[in-house]
PDB file of N, CA and C in Angstrom:
ATOM      1  N   UNK A   1     168.937  95.469 175.764  1.00  0.00           N
ATOM      2  CA  UNK A   1     170.231  95.622 176.289  1.00  0.00           C
ATOM      3  C   UNK A   1     170.756  94.301 176.337  1.00  0.00           C
ATOM      4  N   UNK A   2     171.869  94.223 176.124  1.00  0.00           N
ATOM      5  CA  UNK A   2     172.549  92.623 176.076  1.00  0.00           C
ATOM      6  C   UNK A   2     173.589  92.687 177.170  1.00  0.00           C
ATOM      7  N   UNK A   3     173.660  91.661 178.129  1.00  0.00           N
ATOM      8  CA  UNK A   3     174.642  91.448 179.033  1.00  0.00           C
ATOM      9  C   UNK A   3     175.788  90.496 178.470  1.00  0.00           C
ATOM     10  N   UNK A   4     176.943  91.064 178.067  1.00  0.00           N
ATOM     11  CA  UNK A   4     177.872  90.183 177.677  1.00  0.00           C
ATOM     12  C   UNK A   4     178.492  89.230 178.918  1.00  0.00           C
ATOM     13  N   UNK A   5     179.489  88.315 178.316  1.00  0.00           N
ATOM     14  CA  UNK A   5     179.918  87.472 179.293  1.00  0.00           C
ATOM     15  C   UNK A   5     180.677  87.985 180.340  1.00  0.00           C
ATOM     16  N   UNK A   6     181.173  89.184 180.165  1.00  0.00           N
ATOM     17  CA  UNK A   6     182.085  90.045 181.085  1.00  0.00           C
ATOM     18  C   UNK A   6     181.307  90.729 182.122  1.00  0.00           C
ATOM     19  N   UNK A   7     180.019  90.642 181.823  1.00  0.00           N
ATOM     20  CA  UNK A   7     179.208  91.585 182.947  1.00  0.00           C
ATOM     21  C   UNK A   7     178.643  93.013 182.520  1.00  0.00           C
ATOM     22  N   UNK A   8     179.557  93.378 181.357  1.00  0.00           N
ATOM     23  CA  UNK A   8     179.342  94.755 180.716  1.00  0.00           C
ATOM     24  C   UNK A   8     178.216  94.740 179.861  1.00  0.00           C
ATOM     25  N   UNK A   9     177.447  95.813 179.719  1.00  0.00           N
ATOM     26  CA  UNK A   9     176.314  95.919 179.018  1.00  0.00           C
ATOM     27  C   UNK A   9     176.619  96.502 177.605  1.00  0.00           C
ATOM     28  N   UNK A  10     175.898  96.055 176.718  1.00  0.00           N
ATOM     29  CA  UNK A  10     176.342  96.789 175.269  1.00  0.00           C
ATOM     30  C   UNK A  10     174.890  96.792 174.653  1.00  0.00           C
ATOM     31  N   UNK A  11     174.621  97.927 173.741  1.00  0.00           N
ATOM     32  CA  UNK A  11     173.548  98.108 173.207  1.00  0.00           C
ATOM     33  C   UNK A  11     173.428  97.333 171.759  1.00  0.00           C
ATOM     34  N   UNK A  12     172.336  96.662 171.314  1.00  0.00           N
ATOM     35  CA  UNK A  12     172.427  96.207 170.161  1.00  0.00           C
ATOM     36  C   UNK A  12     171.901  97.252 169.172  1.00  0.00           C
ATOM     37  N   UNK A  13     172.656  97.384 168.075  1.00  0.00           N
ATOM     38  CA  UNK A  13     172.473  98.387 167.112  1.00  0.00           C
ATOM     39  C   UNK A  13     171.559  97.955 165.954  1.00  0.00           C
ATOM     40  N   UNK A  14     170.402  98.730 165.624  1.00  0.00           N
ATOM     41  CA  UNK A  14     169.575  98.373 164.855  1.00  0.00           C
ATOM     42  C   UNK A  14     169.566  99.410 163.692  1.00  0.00           C
ATOM     43  N   UNK A  15     169.433  98.897 162.418  1.00  0.00           N
ATOM     44  CA  UNK A  15     169.558  99.962 161.271  1.00  0.00           C
ATOM     45  C   UNK A  15     168.357 100.973 161.261  1.00  0.00           C
ATOM     46  N   UNK A  16     168.855 102.171 161.098  1.00  0.00           N
ATOM     47  CA  UNK A  16     168.291 103.267 161.267  1.00  0.00           C
ATOM     48  C   UNK A  16     167.757 103.580 159.691  1.00  0.00           C
ATOM     49  N   UNK A  17     168.160 103.305 158.787  1.00  0.00           N
ATOM     50  CA  UNK A  17     167.993 103.962 157.440  1.00  0.00           C
ATOM     51  C   UNK A  17     166.688 103.091 156.773  1.00  0.00           C
ATOM     52  N   UNK A  18     166.355 103.532 155.712  1.00  0.00           N
ATOM     53  CA  UNK A  18     165.240 102.744 154.945  1.00  0.00           C
ATOM     54  C   UNK A  18     163.785 103.058 155.467  1.00  0.00           C
ATOM     55  N   UNK A  19     162.920 102.585 154.656  1.00  0.00           N
ATOM     56  CA  UNK A  19     161.436 102.776 154.822  1.00  0.00           C
ATOM     57  C   UNK A  19     161.030 101.992 155.904  1.00  0.00           C
ATOM     58  N   UNK A  20     160.585 102.518 157.200  1.00  0.00           N
ATOM     59  CA  UNK A  20     160.174 101.780 158.239  1.00  0.00           C
ATOM     60  C   UNK A  20     158.867 101.050 158.100  1.00  0.00           C
ATOM     61  N   UNK A  21     158.173 101.527 157.358  1.00  0.00           N
ATOM     62  CA  UNK A  21     156.647 100.734 157.031  1.00  0.00           C
ATOM     63  C   UNK A  21     156.918  99.748 156.112  1.00  0.00           C
ATOM     64  N   UNK A  22     157.933  99.644 155.041  1.00  0.00           N
ATOM     65  CA  UNK A  22     158.508  98.752 154.462  1.00  0.00           C
ATOM     66  C   UNK A  22     159.092  97.299 155.201  1.00  0.00           C
ATOM     67  N   UNK A  23     159.915  97.803 156.087  1.00  0.00           N
ATOM     68  CA  UNK A  23     160.445  96.904 156.938  1.00  0.00           C
ATOM     69  C   UNK A  23     159.573  96.061 157.779  1.00  0.00           C
ATOM     70  N   UNK A  24     158.471  96.952 158.217  1.00  0.00           N
ATOM     71  CA  UNK A  24     157.633  96.394 159.259  1.00  0.00           C
ATOM     72  C   UNK A  24     156.701  95.247 158.234  1.00  0.00           C
ATOM     73  N   UNK A  25     156.483  95.535 157.061  1.00  0.00           N
ATOM     74  CA  UNK A  25     155.686  94.764 156.241  1.00  0.00           C
ATOM     75  C   UNK A  25     156.304  93.244 155.925  1.00  0.00           C
ATOM     76  N   UNK A  26     157.759  93.559 155.788  1.00  0.00           N
ATOM     77  CA  UNK A  26     158.410  92.299 155.708  1.00  0.00           C
ATOM     78  C   UNK A  26     158.623  91.469 156.762  1.00  0.00           C
ATOM     79  N   UNK A  27     158.708  92.166 158.053  1.00  0.00           N
ATOM     80  CA  UNK A  27     158.980  91.413 159.230  1.00  0.00           C
ATOM     81  C   UNK A  27     157.614  90.833 159.621  1.00  0.00           C
ATOM     82  N   UNK A  28     156.409  91.493 159.524  1.00  0.00           N
ATOM     83  CA  UNK A  28     155.132  90.929 159.719  1.00  0.00           C
ATOM     84  C   UNK A  28     154.880  89.537 158.775  1.00  0.00           C
ATOM     85  N   UNK A  29     155.306  89.700 157.630  1.00  0.00           N
ATOM     86  CA  UNK A  29     155.184  88.717 156.637  1.00  0.00           C
ATOM     87  C   UNK A  29     155.948  87.645 156.974  1.00  0.00           C
ATOM     88  N   UNK A  30     157.208  87.658 157.219  1.00  0.00           N
ATOM     89  CA  UNK A  30     157.996  86.647 157.713  1.00  0.00           C
ATOM     90  C   UNK A  30     157.269  86.129 158.924  1.00  0.00           C
ATOM     91  N   UNK A  31     156.921  86.819 160.066  1.00  0.00           N
ATOM     92  CA  UNK A  31     156.370  86.203 161.231  1.00  0.00           C
ATOM     93  C   UNK A  31     155.136  85.394 160.906  1.00  0.00           C
ATOM     94  N   UNK A  32     154.287  85.891 159.977  1.00  0.00           N
ATOM     95  CA  UNK A  32     153.177  85.273 159.704  1.00  0.00           C
ATOM     96  C   UNK A  32     153.555  83.707 158.899  1.00  0.00           C
ATOM     97  N   UNK A  33     154.776  83.758 158.105  1.00  0.00           N
ATOM     98  CA  UNK A  33     155.088  82.578 157.529  1.00  0.00           C
ATOM     99  C   UNK A  33     155.627  81.466 158.386  1.00  0.00           C
ATOM    100  N   UNK A  34     155.777  81.858 159.819  1.00  0.00           N
ATOM    101  CA  UNK A  34     156.260  80.900 160.536  1.00  0.00           C
ATOM    102  C   UNK A  34     155.454  79.628 160.973  1.00  0.00           C
ATOM    103  N   UNK A  35     154.158  79.611 160.355  1.00  0.00           N
ATOM    104  CA  UNK A  35     153.288  78.565 160.421  1.00  0.00           C
ATOM    105  C   UNK A  35     153.445  77.641 159.337  1.00  0.00           C
ATOM    106  N   UNK A  36     154.219  78.094 158.498  1.00  0.00           N
ATOM    107  CA  UNK A  36     154.564  77.007 157.231  1.00  0.00           C
ATOM    108  C   UNK A  36     155.732  76.074 157.666  1.00  0.00           C
ATOM    109  N   UNK A  37     155.404  74.978 157.339  1.00  0.00           N
ATOM    110  CA  UNK A  37     156.442  74.013 157.734  1.00  0.00           C
ATOM    111  C   UNK A  37     157.856  74.242 157.248  1.00  0.00           C
ATOM    112  N   UNK A  38     158.166  74.777 156.243  1.00  0.00           N
ATOM    113  CA  UNK A  38     159.341  75.020 155.455  1.00  0.00           C
ATOM    114  C   UNK A  38     160.148  76.084 156.474  1.00  0.00           C
ATOM    115  N   UNK A  39     159.343  77.107 156.848  1.00  0.00           N
ATOM    116  CA  UNK A  39     159.872  78.248 157.585  1.00  0.00           C
ATOM    117  C   UNK A  39     160.305  77.659 159.131  1.00  0.00           C
ATOM    118  N   UNK A  40     159.270  76.843 159.677  1.00  0.00           N
ATOM    119  CA  UNK A  40     159.543  76.204 160.916  1.00  0.00           C
ATOM    120  C   UNK A  40     160.936  75.389 160.762  1.00  0.00           C
ATOM    121  N   UNK A  41     161.114  74.720 159.676  1.00  0.00           N
ATOM    122  CA  UNK A  41     162.348  74.093 159.434  1.00  0.00           C
ATOM    123  C   UNK A  41     163.533  74.689 159.573  1.00  0.00           C
ATOM    124  N   UNK A  42     163.363  75.787 158.816  1.00  0.00           N
ATOM    125  CA  UNK A  42     164.305  76.967 158.758  1.00  0.00           C
ATOM    126  C   UNK A  42     164.846  77.465 160.067  1.00  0.00           C
ATOM    127  N   UNK A  43     163.774  77.531 160.861  1.00  0.00           N
ATOM    128  CA  UNK A  43     164.102  78.091 162.370  1.00  0.00           C
ATOM    129  C   UNK A  43     164.848  76.743 163.106  1.00  0.00           C
ATOM    130  N   UNK A  44     164.400  75.734 162.836  1.00  0.00           N
ATOM    131  CA  UNK A  44     165.035  74.513 163.673  1.00  0.00           C
ATOM    132  C   UNK A  44     166.608  74.330 163.049  1.00  0.00           C
ATOM    133  N   UNK A  45     166.649  74.673 162.083  1.00  0.00           N
ATOM    134  CA  UNK A  45     168.090  74.567 161.215  1.00  0.00           C
ATOM    135  C   UNK A  45     169.257  75.198 161.740  1.00  0.00           C
ATOM    136  N   UNK A  46     168.597  76.626 161.952  1.00  0.00           N
ATOM    137  CA  UNK A  46     169.695  77.639 162.289  1.00  0.00           C
ATOM    138  C   UNK A  46     169.560  77.746 164.033  1.00  0.00           C
ATOM    139  N   UNK A  47     171.002  77.944 164.566  1.00  0.00           N
ATOM    140  CA  UNK A  47     170.814  77.922 165.918  1.00  0.00           C
ATOM    141  C   UNK A  47     170.946  79.360 166.328  1.00  0.00           C
ATOM    142  N   UNK A  48     169.681  80.011 166.264  1.00  0.00           N
ATOM    143  CA  UNK A  48     169.582  81.368 166.564  1.00  0.00           C
ATOM    144  C   UNK A  48     168.106  81.485 167.204  1.00  0.00           C
ATOM    145  N   UNK A  49     167.988  82.736 167.913  1.00  0.00           N
ATOM    146  CA  UNK A  49     166.947  83.041 168.450  1.00  0.00           C
ATOM    147  C   UNK A  49     165.673  83.489 167.448  1.00  0.00           C
ATOM    148  N   UNK A  50     164.427  83.198 168.058  1.00  0.00           N
ATOM    149  CA  UNK A  50     163.237  83.462 167.331  1.00  0.00           C
ATOM    150  C   UNK A  50     163.321  84.842 166.639  1.00  0.00           C
ATOM    151  N   UNK A  51     163.561  86.137 167.323  1.00  0.00           N
ATOM    152  CA  UNK A  51     163.583  87.376 166.717  1.00  0.00           C
ATOM    153  C   UNK A  51     164.817  87.100 165.506  1.00  0.00           C
ATOM    154  N   UNK A  52     165.925  86.764 165.689  1.00  0.00           N
ATOM    155  CA  UNK A  52     166.889  86.708 164.598  1.00  0.00           C
ATOM    156  C   UNK A  52     166.283  85.995 163.482  1.00  0.00           C
ATOM    157  N   UNK A  53     165.759  84.871 163.550  1.00  0.00           N
ATOM    158  CA  UNK A  53     165.195  83.805 162.627  1.00  0.00           C
ATOM    159  C   UNK A  53     164.196  84.653 161.801  1.00  0.00           C
ATOM    160  N   UNK A  54     163.071  85.500 162.413  1.00  0.00           N
ATOM    161  CA  UNK A  54     162.272  86.246 161.593  1.00  0.00           C
ATOM    162  C   UNK A  54     163.021  87.248 160.744  1.00  0.00           C
ATOM    163  N   UNK A  55     163.962  87.882 161.158  1.00  0.00           N
ATOM    164  CA  UNK A  55     164.696  89.036 160.514  1.00  0.00           C
ATOM    165  C   UNK A  55     165.422  88.397 159.370  1.00  0.00           C
ATOM    166  N   UNK A  56     165.817  87.076 159.591  1.00  0.00           N
ATOM    167  CA  UNK A  56     166.700  86.265 158.528  1.00  0.00           C
ATOM    168  C   UNK A  56     165.523  86.063 157.434  1.00  0.00           C
ATOM    169  N   UNK A  57     164.342  85.574 157.805  1.00  0.00           N
ATOM    170  CA  UNK A  57     163.345  85.278 156.794  1.00  0.00           C
ATOM    171  C   UNK A  57     162.855  86.554 156.088  1.00  0.00           C
ATOM    172  N   UNK A  58     162.814  87.678 156.726  1.00  0.00           N
ATOM    173  CA  UNK A  58     162.460  88.838 156.069  1.00  0.00           C
ATOM    174  C   UNK A  58     163.530  89.188 155.163  1.00  0.00           C
ATOM    175  N   UNK A  59     164.688  89.265 155.424  1.00  0.00           N
ATOM    176  CA  UNK A  59     165.696  89.576 154.439  1.00  0.00           C
ATOM    177  C   UNK A  59     165.797  88.433 153.344  1.00  0.00           C
ATOM    178  N   UNK A  60     165.381  87.437 153.471  1.00  0.00           N
ATOM    179  CA  UNK A  60     165.334  86.267 152.390  1.00  0.00           C
ATOM    180  C   UNK A  60     164.285  86.816 151.441  1.00  0.00           C
ATOM    181  N   UNK A  61     163.027  87.250 152.160  1.00  0.00           N
ATOM    182  CA  UNK A  61     161.879  87.694 151.200  1.00  0.00           C
ATOM    183  C   UNK A  61     162.348  88.678 150.444  1.00  0.00           C
ATOM    184  N   UNK A  62     163.086  89.936 151.003  1.00  0.00           N
ATOM    185  CA  UNK A  62     163.475  91.040 150.221  1.00  0.00           C
ATOM    186  C   UNK A  62     164.307  90.637 149.202  1.00  0.00           C
ATOM    187  N   UNK A  63     165.340  89.616 149.298  1.00  0.00           N
ATOM    188  CA  UNK A  63     166.065  89.114 148.282  1.00  0.00           C
ATOM    189  C   UNK A  63     165.306  88.623 147.056  1.00  0.00           C
ATOM    190  N   UNK A  64     164.435  87.903 147.383  1.00  0.00           N
ATOM    191  CA  UNK A  64     163.639  87.136 146.501  1.00  0.00           C
ATOM    192  C   UNK A  64     162.907  88.146 145.663  1.00  0.00           C
ATOM    193  N   UNK A  65     162.170  89.013 146.123  1.00  0.00           N
ATOM    194  CA  UNK A  65     161.589  90.289 145.539  1.00  0.00           C
ATOM    195  C   UNK A  65     162.406  91.177 144.706  1.00  0.00           C
ATOM    196  N   UNK A  66     163.493  91.460 145.286  1.00  0.00           N
ATOM    197  CA  UNK A  66     164.535  92.136 144.391  1.00  0.00           C
ATOM    198  C   UNK A  66     165.092  91.744 143.174  1.00  0.00           C
ATOM    199  N   UNK A  67     165.234  90.147 143.363  1.00  0.00           N
ATOM    200  CA  UNK A  67     165.601  89.309 142.268  1.00  0.00           C
ATOM    201  C   UNK A  67     164.509  89.406 141.135  1.00  0.00           C
ATOM    202  N   UNK A  68     163.327  89.177 141.608  1.00  0.00           N
ATOM    203  CA  UNK A  68     162.278  89.208 140.580  1.00  0.00           C
ATOM    204  C   UNK A  68     161.894  90.592 139.989  1.00  0.00           C
ATOM    205  N   UNK A  69     162.198  91.583 140.707  1.00  0.00           N
ATOM    206  CA  UNK A  69     162.074  92.930 140.058  1.00  0.00           C
ATOM    207  C   UNK A  69     163.442  93.163 138.973  1.00  0.00           C
ATOM    208  N   UNK A  70     164.552  92.677 139.523  1.00  0.00           N
ATOM    209  CA  UNK A  70     165.712  93.144 138.734  1.00  0.00           C
ATOM    210  C   UNK A  70     165.573  92.355 137.426  1.00  0.00           C
ATOM    211  N   UNK A  71     165.153  90.932 137.430  1.00  0.00           N
ATOM    212  CA  UNK A  71     165.186  90.104 136.273  1.00  0.00           C
ATOM    213  C   UNK A  71     163.834  90.465 135.270  1.00  0.00           C
ATOM    214  N   UNK A  72     162.936  91.083 136.064  1.00  0.00           N
ATOM    215  CA  UNK A  72     161.591  91.345 135.329  1.00  0.00           C
ATOM    216  C   UNK A  72     160.855  90.026 134.894  1.00  0.00           C
ATOM    217  N   UNK A  73     161.069  88.978 135.795  1.00  0.00           N
ATOM    218  CA  UNK A  73     160.380  87.695 135.444  1.00  0.00           C
ATOM    219  C   UNK A  73     159.372  87.427 136.638  1.00  0.00           C
ATOM    220  N   UNK A  74     158.238  87.053 136.281  1.00  0.00           N
ATOM    221  CA  UNK A  74     157.263  86.742 137.394  1.00  0.00           C
ATOM    222  C   UNK A  74     157.610  85.541 138.145  1.00  0.00           C
ATOM    223  N   UNK A  75     157.433  85.427 139.394  1.00  0.00           N
ATOM    224  CA  UNK A  75     157.485  84.367 140.218  1.00  0.00           C
ATOM    225  C   UNK A  75     156.842  83.261 139.775  1.00  0.00           C
ATOM    226  N   UNK A  76     157.762  82.244 139.661  1.00  0.00           N
ATOM    227  CA  UNK A  76     157.036  80.727 139.248  1.00  0.00           C
ATOM    228  C   UNK A  76     155.840  80.272 140.338  1.00  0.00           C
ATOM    229  N   UNK A  77     154.737  79.673 139.674  1.00  0.00           N
ATOM    230  CA  UNK A  77     154.037  79.231 140.694  1.00  0.00           C
ATOM    231  C   UNK A  77     154.464  78.125 141.804  1.00  0.00           C
ATOM    232  N   UNK A  78     155.333  77.280 141.363  1.00  0.00           N
ATOM    233  CA  UNK A  78     155.898  76.370 142.177  1.00  0.00           C
ATOM    234  C   UNK A  78     157.272  76.452 142.035  1.00  0.00           C
ATOM    235  N   UNK A  79     157.982  76.631 143.443  1.00  0.00           N
ATOM    236  CA  UNK A  79     159.600  76.635 143.325  1.00  0.00           C
ATOM    237  C   UNK A  79     159.956  75.489 143.469  1.00  0.00           C
ATOM    238  N   UNK A  80     161.361  75.006 142.721  1.00  0.00           N
ATOM    239  CA  UNK A  80     161.717  73.846 142.880  1.00  0.00           C
ATOM    240  C   UNK A  80     162.348  73.358 144.376  1.00  0.00           C
ATOM    241  N   UNK A  81     162.132  72.283 144.817  1.00  0.00           N
ATOM    242  CA  UNK A  81     162.459  71.902 146.240  1.00  0.00           C
ATOM    243  C   UNK A  81     164.001  71.759 146.286  1.00  0.00           C
ATOM    244  N   UNK A  82     164.541  72.307 147.282  1.00  0.00           N
ATOM    245  CA  UNK A  82     166.091  72.038 147.307  1.00  0.00           C
ATOM    246  C   UNK A  82     166.386  70.602 148.276  1.00  0.00           C
TER     247      UNK A  82
END
């Protein structure tokens, strides 16, 4: 439950559709990646809470995986540094 600035409570809506096991796998993968310095830098760069950062990292992983599957190209061993 979230208490807004006016004192009224509102519920955060979570997505109900999709494969729950697959969502959990991506969430756990993003959580485990927080030990990596690049993921930790992503956390510091965004002004969000820890849970929101992990969800953002999980979504990023889904996008990368879907791009790999869509293009039918294997993931390169070393990604170029941005």
